[in-house]
Amino acid sequence: QQTQGEGQQQDSTQSNPPKTDGMPNALGEVNPPNP
């Protein structure tokens, strides 16, 4: 369970990387810019 939880946390961290100023964002970017 711990291994599975760590894997989920890693996936969440990879999909929702923290902003450069250190502010966490659990929901990810809202309406990311579309080139």
PDB file of all heavy atoms in Angstrom:
ATOM      1  N   GLN A   1       0.822  -1.201   0.000  1.00  0.00           N
ATOM      2  CA  GLN A   1       0.000   0.000   0.000  1.00  0.00           C
ATOM      3  C   GLN A   1       0.859   1.255   0.000  1.00  0.00           C
ATOM      4  O   GLN A   1       0.574   2.226  -0.671  1.00  0.00           O
ATOM      5  CB  GLN A   1      -0.938   0.000   1.213  1.00  0.00           C
ATOM      6  CG  GLN A   1      -2.002  -1.085   1.151  1.00  0.00           C
ATOM      7  CD  GLN A   1      -2.827  -1.126   2.416  1.00  0.00           C
ATOM      8  OE1 GLN A   1      -2.548  -0.365   3.344  1.00  0.00           O
ATOM      9  NE2 GLN A   1      -3.827  -2.013   2.447  1.00  0.00           N
ATOM     10  N   GLN A   2       1.932   1.226   0.821  1.00  0.00           N
ATOM     11  CA  GLN A   2       2.820   2.382   0.853  1.00  0.00           C
ATOM     12  C   GLN A   2       3.454   2.615  -0.506  1.00  0.00           C
ATOM     13  O   GLN A   2       3.575   3.737  -0.984  1.00  0.00           O
ATOM     14  CB  GLN A   2       3.889   2.195   1.923  1.00  0.00           C
ATOM     15  CG  GLN A   2       3.334   2.210   3.348  1.00  0.00           C
ATOM     16  CD  GLN A   2       4.421   1.942   4.368  1.00  0.00           C
ATOM     17  OE1 GLN A   2       5.539   1.563   3.997  1.00  0.00           O
ATOM     18  NE2 GLN A   2       4.087   2.132   5.643  1.00  0.00           N
ATOM     19  N   THR A   3       3.900   1.480  -1.136  1.00  0.00           N
ATOM     20  CA  THR A   3       4.517   1.612  -2.461  1.00  0.00           C
ATOM     21  C   THR A   3       3.541   2.170  -3.472  1.00  0.00           C
ATOM     22  O   THR A   3       3.857   3.045  -4.274  1.00  0.00           O
ATOM     23  CB  THR A   3       5.027   0.249  -2.926  1.00  0.00           C
ATOM     24  OG1 THR A   3       5.922  -0.274  -1.949  1.00  0.00           O
ATOM     25  CG2 THR A   3       5.737   0.371  -4.284  1.00  0.00           C
ATOM     26  N   GLN A   4       2.288   1.695  -3.408  1.00  0.00           N
ATOM     27  CA  GLN A   4       1.249   2.187  -4.315  1.00  0.00           C
ATOM     28  C   GLN A   4       0.966   3.662  -4.068  1.00  0.00           C
ATOM     29  O   GLN A   4       0.806   4.448  -4.981  1.00  0.00           O
ATOM     30  CB  GLN A   4      -0.013   1.356  -4.157  1.00  0.00           C
ATOM     31  CG  GLN A   4      -1.133   1.766  -5.126  1.00  0.00           C
ATOM     32  CD  GLN A   4      -2.361   0.897  -4.955  1.00  0.00           C
ATOM     33  OE1 GLN A   4      -2.361   0.007  -4.078  1.00  0.00           O
ATOM     34  NE2 GLN A   4      -3.362   1.128  -5.777  1.00  0.00           N
ATOM     35  N   GLY A   5       0.900   4.052  -2.750  1.00  0.00           N
ATOM     36  CA  GLY A   5       0.654   5.463  -2.412  1.00  0.00           C
ATOM     37  C   GLY A   5       1.769   6.356  -2.888  1.00  0.00           C
ATOM     38  O   GLY A   5       1.552   7.444  -3.389  1.00  0.00           O
ATOM     39  N   GLU A   6       3.024   5.873  -2.716  1.00  0.00           N
ATOM     40  CA  GLU A   6       4.151   6.670  -3.179  1.00  0.00           C
ATOM     41  C   GLU A   6       4.108   6.842  -4.689  1.00  0.00           C
ATOM     42  O   GLU A   6       4.421   7.896  -5.233  1.00  0.00           O
ATOM     43  CB  GLU A   6       5.454   6.012  -2.745  1.00  0.00           C
ATOM     44  CG  GLU A   6       5.677   6.048  -1.239  1.00  0.00           C
ATOM     45  CD  GLU A   6       6.937   5.282  -0.838  1.00  0.00           C
ATOM     46  OE1 GLU A   6       7.554   4.688  -1.761  1.00  0.00           O
ATOM     47  OE2 GLU A   6       7.278   5.307   0.340  1.00  0.00           O
ATOM     48  N   GLY A   7       3.689   5.746  -5.382  1.00  0.00           N
ATOM     49  CA  GLY A   7       3.588   5.850  -6.835  1.00  0.00           C
ATOM     50  C   GLY A   7       2.536   6.837  -7.256  1.00  0.00           C
ATOM     51  O   GLY A   7       2.718   7.612  -8.189  1.00  0.00           O
ATOM     52  N   GLN A   8       1.403   6.866  -6.541  1.00  0.00           N
ATOM     53  CA  GLN A   8       0.352   7.837  -6.853  1.00  0.00           C
ATOM     54  C   GLN A   8       0.812   9.253  -6.576  1.00  0.00           C
ATOM     55  O   GLN A   8       0.524  10.181  -7.325  1.00  0.00           O
ATOM     56  CB  GLN A   8      -0.911   7.521  -6.047  1.00  0.00           C
ATOM     57  CG  GLN A   8      -1.584   6.229  -6.467  1.00  0.00           C
ATOM     58  CD  GLN A   8      -2.773   5.910  -5.595  1.00  0.00           C
ATOM     59  OE1 GLN A   8      -2.993   6.589  -4.584  1.00  0.00           O
ATOM     60  NE2 GLN A   8      -3.532   4.881  -5.960  1.00  0.00           N
ATOM     61  N   GLN A   9       1.556   9.424  -5.453  1.00  0.00           N
ATOM     62  CA  GLN A   9       2.064  10.753  -5.134  1.00  0.00           C
ATOM     63  C   GLN A   9       3.038  11.224  -6.202  1.00  0.00           C
ATOM     64  O   GLN A   9       3.054  12.377  -6.593  1.00  0.00           O
ATOM     65  CB  GLN A   9       2.724  10.760  -3.766  1.00  0.00           C
ATOM     66  CG  GLN A   9       1.732  10.580  -2.618  1.00  0.00           C
ATOM     67  CD  GLN A   9       2.433  10.537  -1.276  1.00  0.00           C
ATOM     68  OE1 GLN A   9       3.647  10.581  -1.223  1.00  0.00           O
ATOM     69  NE2 GLN A   9       1.651  10.456  -0.211  1.00  0.00           N
ATOM     70  N   GLN A  10       3.897  10.284  -6.674  1.00  0.00           N
ATOM     71  CA  GLN A  10       4.841  10.668  -7.710  1.00  0.00           C
ATOM     72  C   GLN A  10       4.120  11.049  -8.990  1.00  0.00           C
ATOM     73  O   GLN A  10       4.471  12.017  -9.656  1.00  0.00           O
ATOM     74  CB  GLN A  10       5.817   9.511  -7.962  1.00  0.00           C
ATOM     75  CG  GLN A  10       6.760   9.250  -6.787  1.00  0.00           C
ATOM     76  CD  GLN A  10       7.661   8.037  -7.042  1.00  0.00           C
ATOM     77  OE1 GLN A  10       7.529   7.392  -8.075  1.00  0.00           O
ATOM     78  NE2 GLN A  10       8.553   7.770  -6.107  1.00  0.00           N
ATOM     79  N   ASP A  11       3.068  10.253  -9.343  1.00  0.00           N
ATOM     80  CA  ASP A  11       2.309  10.587 -10.543  1.00  0.00           C
ATOM     81  C   ASP A  11       1.630  11.942 -10.404  1.00  0.00           C
ATOM     82  O   ASP A  11       1.595  12.740 -11.328  1.00  0.00           O
ATOM     83  CB  ASP A  11       1.255   9.507 -10.808  1.00  0.00           C
ATOM     84  CG  ASP A  11       1.899   8.170 -11.170  1.00  0.00           C
ATOM     85  OD1 ASP A  11       3.090   8.202 -11.548  1.00  0.00           O
ATOM     86  OD2 ASP A  11       1.221   7.138 -11.036  1.00  0.00           O
ATOM     87  N   SER A  12       1.080  12.206  -9.187  1.00  0.00           N
ATOM     88  CA  SER A  12       0.414  13.489  -8.949  1.00  0.00           C
ATOM     89  C   SER A  12       1.393  14.633  -9.025  1.00  0.00           C
ATOM     90  O   SER A  12       1.105  15.700  -9.554  1.00  0.00           O
ATOM     91  CB  SER A  12      -0.282  13.469  -7.580  1.00  0.00           C
ATOM     92  OG  SER A  12      -0.842  14.721  -7.296  1.00  0.00           O
ATOM     93  N   THR A  13       2.623  14.398  -8.478  1.00  0.00           N
ATOM     94  CA  THR A  13       3.640  15.446  -8.516  1.00  0.00           C
ATOM     95  C   THR A  13       4.081  15.724  -9.936  1.00  0.00           C
ATOM     96  O   THR A  13       4.304  16.872 -10.327  1.00  0.00           O
ATOM     97  CB  THR A  13       4.841  15.036  -7.645  1.00  0.00           C
ATOM     98  OG1 THR A  13       4.391  14.771  -6.335  1.00  0.00           O
ATOM     99  CG2 THR A  13       5.893  16.145  -7.630  1.00  0.00           C
ATOM    100  N   GLN A  14       4.206  14.648 -10.737  1.00  0.00           N
ATOM    101  CA  GLN A  14       4.628  14.833 -12.111  1.00  0.00           C
ATOM    102  C   GLN A  14       3.555  15.536 -12.941  1.00  0.00           C
ATOM    103  O   GLN A  14       3.852  16.361 -13.780  1.00  0.00           O
ATOM    104  CB  GLN A  14       4.972  13.470 -12.725  1.00  0.00           C
ATOM    105  CG  GLN A  14       6.215  12.833 -12.098  1.00  0.00           C
ATOM    106  CD  GLN A  14       6.482  11.440 -12.657  1.00  0.00           C
ATOM    107  OE1 GLN A  14       5.705  10.968 -13.487  1.00  0.00           O
ATOM    108  NE2 GLN A  14       7.556  10.799 -12.197  1.00  0.00           N
ATOM    109  N   SER A  15       2.269  15.184 -12.704  1.00  0.00           N
ATOM    110  CA  SER A  15       1.202  15.818 -13.471  1.00  0.00           C
ATOM    111  C   SER A  15       0.878  17.208 -12.983  1.00  0.00           C
ATOM    112  O   SER A  15       0.340  18.017 -13.725  1.00  0.00           O
ATOM    113  CB  SER A  15      -0.064  14.951 -13.406  1.00  0.00           C
ATOM    114  OG  SER A  15      -0.497  14.839 -12.054  1.00  0.00           O
ATOM    115  N   ASN A  16       1.193  17.527 -11.719  1.00  0.00           N
ATOM    116  CA  ASN A  16       0.912  18.847 -11.150  1.00  0.00           C
ATOM    117  C   ASN A  16       2.192  19.410 -10.536  1.00  0.00           C
ATOM    118  O   ASN A  16       2.350  19.447  -9.319  1.00  0.00           O
ATOM    119  CB  ASN A  16      -0.177  18.758 -10.075  1.00  0.00           C
ATOM    120  CG  ASN A  16      -1.469  18.204 -10.637  1.00  0.00           C
ATOM    121  OD1 ASN A  16      -1.986  18.715 -11.612  1.00  0.00           O
ATOM    122  ND2 ASN A  16      -1.972  17.134 -10.024  1.00  0.00           N
ATOM    123  N   PRO A  17       3.142  19.769 -11.334  1.00  0.00           N
ATOM    124  CA  PRO A  17       4.397  20.274 -10.772  1.00  0.00           C
ATOM    125  C   PRO A  17       4.175  21.581 -10.040  1.00  0.00           C
ATOM    126  O   PRO A  17       3.306  22.362 -10.421  1.00  0.00           O
ATOM    127  CB  PRO A  17       5.273  20.474 -12.022  1.00  0.00           C
ATOM    128  CG  PRO A  17       4.298  20.707 -13.131  1.00  0.00           C
ATOM    129  CD  PRO A  17       3.111  19.856 -12.795  1.00  0.00           C
ATOM    130  N   PRO A  18       4.919  21.831  -8.974  1.00  0.00           N
ATOM    131  CA  PRO A  18       4.757  23.093  -8.243  1.00  0.00           C
ATOM    132  C   PRO A  18       5.206  24.265  -9.083  1.00  0.00           C
ATOM    133  O   PRO A  18       6.040  24.133  -9.978  1.00  0.00           O
ATOM    134  CB  PRO A  18       5.659  22.896  -7.015  1.00  0.00           C
ATOM    135  CG  PRO A  18       6.686  21.904  -7.455  1.00  0.00           C
ATOM    136  CD  PRO A  18       5.974  20.982  -8.404  1.00  0.00           C
ATOM    137  N   LYS A  19       4.639  25.428  -8.821  1.00  0.00           N
ATOM    138  CA  LYS A  19       5.020  26.632  -9.530  1.00  0.00           C
ATOM    139  C   LYS A  19       6.425  27.038  -9.133  1.00  0.00           C
ATOM    140  O   LYS A  19       6.953  26.622  -8.113  1.00  0.00           O
ATOM    141  CB  LYS A  19       4.018  27.764  -9.222  1.00  0.00           C
ATOM    142  CG  LYS A  19       2.619  27.480  -9.767  1.00  0.00           C
ATOM    143  CD  LYS A  19       1.697  28.638  -9.495  1.00  0.00           C
ATOM    144  CE  LYS A  19       0.305  28.371 -10.038  1.00  0.00           C
ATOM    145  NZ  LYS A  19       0.315  28.214 -11.497  1.00  0.00           N
ATOM    146  N   THR A  20       7.012  27.877  -9.944  1.00  0.00           N
ATOM    147  CA  THR A  20       8.395  28.269  -9.719  1.00  0.00           C
ATOM    148  C   THR A  20       8.571  29.044  -8.433  1.00  0.00           C
ATOM    149  O   THR A  20       9.665  29.087  -7.883  1.00  0.00           O
ATOM    150  CB  THR A  20       8.884  29.119 -10.898  1.00  0.00           C
ATOM    151  OG1 THR A  20       8.008  30.239 -11.066  1.00  0.00           O
ATOM    152  CG2 THR A  20       8.893  28.298 -12.184  1.00  0.00           C
ATOM    153  N   ASP A  21       7.513  29.708  -7.944  1.00  0.00           N
ATOM    154  CA  ASP A  21       7.644  30.467  -6.716  1.00  0.00           C
ATOM    155  C   ASP A  21       7.382  29.621  -5.481  1.00  0.00           C
ATOM    156  O   ASP A  21       7.328  30.148  -4.371  1.00  0.00           O
ATOM    157  CB  ASP A  21       6.683  31.671  -6.731  1.00  0.00           C
ATOM    158  CG  ASP A  21       5.224  31.241  -6.854  1.00  0.00           C
ATOM    159  OD1 ASP A  21       4.970  30.030  -7.026  1.00  0.00           O
ATOM    160  OD2 ASP A  21       4.353  32.116  -6.786  1.00  0.00           O
ATOM    161  N   GLY A  22       7.203  28.308  -5.646  1.00  0.00           N
ATOM    162  CA  GLY A  22       7.007  27.421  -4.503  1.00  0.00           C
ATOM    163  C   GLY A  22       5.564  27.213  -4.119  1.00  0.00           C
ATOM    164  O   GLY A  22       5.278  26.449  -3.190  1.00  0.00           O
ATOM    165  N   MET A  23       4.612  27.844  -4.794  1.00  0.00           N
ATOM    166  CA  MET A  23       3.195  27.682  -4.473  1.00  0.00           C
ATOM    167  C   MET A  23       2.699  26.359  -5.038  1.00  0.00           C
ATOM    168  O   MET A  23       2.754  26.145  -6.241  1.00  0.00           O
ATOM    169  CB  MET A  23       2.384  28.841  -5.040  1.00  0.00           C
ATOM    170  CG  MET A  23       0.875  28.679  -4.847  1.00  0.00           C
ATOM    171  SD  MET A  23       0.381  28.721  -3.111  1.00  0.00           S
ATOM    172  CE  MET A  23       0.655  30.468  -2.757  1.00  0.00           C
ATOM    173  N   PRO A  24       2.228  25.429  -4.189  1.00  0.00           N
ATOM    174  CA  PRO A  24       1.716  24.156  -4.716  1.00  0.00           C
ATOM    175  C   PRO A  24       0.404  24.347  -5.444  1.00  0.00           C
ATOM    176  O   PRO A  24      -0.334  25.288  -5.190  1.00  0.00           O
ATOM    177  CB  PRO A  24       1.541  23.312  -3.450  1.00  0.00           C
ATOM    178  CG  PRO A  24       1.303  24.309  -2.367  1.00  0.00           C
ATOM    179  CD  PRO A  24       2.141  25.510  -2.740  1.00  0.00           C
ATOM    180  N   ASN A  25       0.128  23.426  -6.379  1.00  0.00           N
ATOM    181  CA  ASN A  25      -1.099  23.482  -7.160  1.00  0.00           C
ATOM    182  C   ASN A  25      -1.583  22.056  -7.357  1.00  0.00           C
ATOM    183  O   ASN A  25      -1.147  21.359  -8.279  1.00  0.00           O
ATOM    184  CB  ASN A  25      -0.853  24.171  -8.501  1.00  0.00           C
ATOM    185  CG  ASN A  25      -2.142  24.433  -9.266  1.00  0.00           C
ATOM    186  OD1 ASN A  25      -3.196  23.939  -8.882  1.00  0.00           O
ATOM    187  ND2 ASN A  25      -2.042  25.185 -10.343  1.00  0.00           N
ATOM    188  N   ALA A  26      -2.476  21.600  -6.478  1.00  0.00           N
ATOM    189  CA  ALA A  26      -2.930  20.216  -6.510  1.00  0.00           C
ATOM    190  C   ALA A  26      -3.800  19.917  -7.711  1.00  0.00           C
ATOM    191  O   ALA A  26      -3.879  18.775  -8.162  1.00  0.00           O
ATOM    192  CB  ALA A  26      -3.695  19.883  -5.226  1.00  0.00           C
ATOM    193  N   LEU A  27      -4.448  20.933  -8.258  1.00  0.00           N
ATOM    194  CA  LEU A  27      -5.375  20.708  -9.363  1.00  0.00           C
ATOM    195  C   LEU A  27      -4.751  20.961 -10.726  1.00  0.00           C
ATOM    196  O   LEU A  27      -5.404  20.770 -11.744  1.00  0.00           O
ATOM    197  CB  LEU A  27      -6.614  21.611  -9.201  1.00  0.00           C
ATOM    198  CG  LEU A  27      -7.435  21.372  -7.929  1.00  0.00           C
ATOM    199  CD1 LEU A  27      -8.598  22.338  -7.879  1.00  0.00           C
ATOM    200  CD2 LEU A  27      -7.939  19.936  -7.881  1.00  0.00           C
ATOM    201  N   GLY A  28      -3.521  21.369 -10.750  1.00  0.00           N
ATOM    202  CA  GLY A  28      -2.871  21.631 -12.023  1.00  0.00           C
ATOM    203  C   GLY A  28      -3.251  22.986 -12.580  1.00  0.00           C
ATOM    204  O   GLY A  28      -4.087  23.707 -12.035  1.00  0.00           O
ATOM    205  N   GLU A  29      -2.664  23.327 -13.707  1.00  0.00           N
ATOM    206  CA  GLU A  29      -2.933  24.607 -14.337  1.00  0.00           C
ATOM    207  C   GLU A  29      -4.350  24.636 -14.892  1.00  0.00           C
ATOM    208  O   GLU A  29      -4.825  23.661 -15.473  1.00  0.00           O
ATOM    209  CB  GLU A  29      -1.935  24.866 -15.473  1.00  0.00           C
ATOM    210  CG  GLU A  29      -0.505  25.041 -15.003  1.00  0.00           C
ATOM    211  CD  GLU A  29      -0.329  26.302 -14.207  1.00  0.00           C
ATOM    212  OE1 GLU A  29      -1.134  27.223 -14.407  1.00  0.00           O
ATOM    213  OE2 GLU A  29       0.594  26.368 -13.395  1.00  0.00           O
ATOM    214  N   VAL A  30      -5.020  25.743 -14.702  1.00  0.00           N
ATOM    215  CA  VAL A  30      -6.366  25.928 -15.226  1.00  0.00           C
ATOM    216  C   VAL A  30      -6.269  26.648 -16.560  1.00  0.00           C
ATOM    217  O   VAL A  30      -5.683  27.722 -16.658  1.00  0.00           O
ATOM    218  CB  VAL A  30      -7.234  26.745 -14.243  1.00  0.00           C
ATOM    219  CG1 VAL A  30      -8.627  26.938 -14.808  1.00  0.00           C
ATOM    220  CG2 VAL A  30      -7.289  26.035 -12.906  1.00  0.00           C
ATOM    221  N   ASN A  31      -6.859  26.023 -17.579  1.00  0.00           N
ATOM    222  CA  ASN A  31      -6.838  26.583 -18.937  1.00  0.00           C
ATOM    223  C   ASN A  31      -5.421  26.973 -19.359  1.00  0.00           C
ATOM    224  O   ASN A  31      -5.095  28.157 -19.490  1.00  0.00           O
ATOM    225  CB  ASN A  31      -7.751  27.812 -19.037  1.00  0.00           C
ATOM    226  CG  ASN A  31      -9.204  27.453 -18.792  1.00  0.00           C
ATOM    227  OD1 ASN A  31      -9.640  26.347 -19.098  1.00  0.00           O
ATOM    228  ND2 ASN A  31      -9.956  28.401 -18.244  1.00  0.00           N
ATOM    229  N   PRO A  32      -4.537  25.977 -19.499  1.00  0.00           N
ATOM    230  CA  PRO A  32      -3.161  26.302 -19.889  1.00  0.00           C
ATOM    231  C   PRO A  32      -3.144  26.993 -21.248  1.00  0.00           C
ATOM    232  O   PRO A  32      -4.042  26.795 -22.071  1.00  0.00           O
ATOM    233  CB  PRO A  32      -2.473  24.935 -19.951  1.00  0.00           C
ATOM    234  CG  PRO A  32      -3.590  23.968 -20.186  1.00  0.00           C
ATOM    235  CD  PRO A  32      -4.770  24.540 -19.459  1.00  0.00           C
ATOM    236  N   PRO A  33      -2.155  27.840 -21.480  1.00  0.00           N
ATOM    237  CA  PRO A  33      -2.108  28.578 -22.748  1.00  0.00           C
ATOM    238  C   PRO A  33      -1.968  27.642 -23.928  1.00  0.00           C
ATOM    239  O   PRO A  33      -1.234  26.652 -23.881  1.00  0.00           O
ATOM    240  CB  PRO A  33      -0.875  29.478 -22.593  1.00  0.00           C
ATOM    241  CG  PRO A  33      -0.038  28.815 -21.542  1.00  0.00           C
ATOM    242  CD  PRO A  33      -1.010  28.146 -20.614  1.00  0.00           C
ATOM    243  N   ASN A  34      -2.702  27.941 -24.955  1.00  0.00           N
ATOM    244  CA  ASN A  34      -2.668  27.161 -26.182  1.00  0.00           C
ATOM    245  C   ASN A  34      -1.963  27.981 -27.249  1.00  0.00           C
ATOM    246  O   ASN A  34      -2.464  29.018 -27.676  1.00  0.00           O
ATOM    247  CB  ASN A  34      -4.083  26.827 -26.636  1.00  0.00           C
ATOM    248  CG  ASN A  34      -4.098  25.843 -27.799  1.00  0.00           C
ATOM    249  OD1 ASN A  34      -3.086  25.655 -28.459  1.00  0.00           O
ATOM    250  ND2 ASN A  34      -5.235  25.223 -28.024  1.00  0.00           N
ATOM    251  N   PRO A  35      -0.778  27.554 -27.675  1.00  0.00           N
ATOM    252  CA  PRO A  35      -0.042  28.363 -28.667  1.00  0.00           C
ATOM    253  C   PRO A  35      -0.841  28.603 -29.933  1.00  0.00           C
ATOM    254  O   PRO A  35      -0.782  29.677 -30.513  1.00  0.00           O
ATOM    255  CB  PRO A  35       1.210  27.508 -28.940  1.00  0.00           C
ATOM    256  CG  PRO A  35       1.345  26.634 -27.734  1.00  0.00           C
ATOM    257  CD  PRO A  35      -0.055  26.368 -27.259  1.00  0.00           C
TER     258      PRO A  35
END
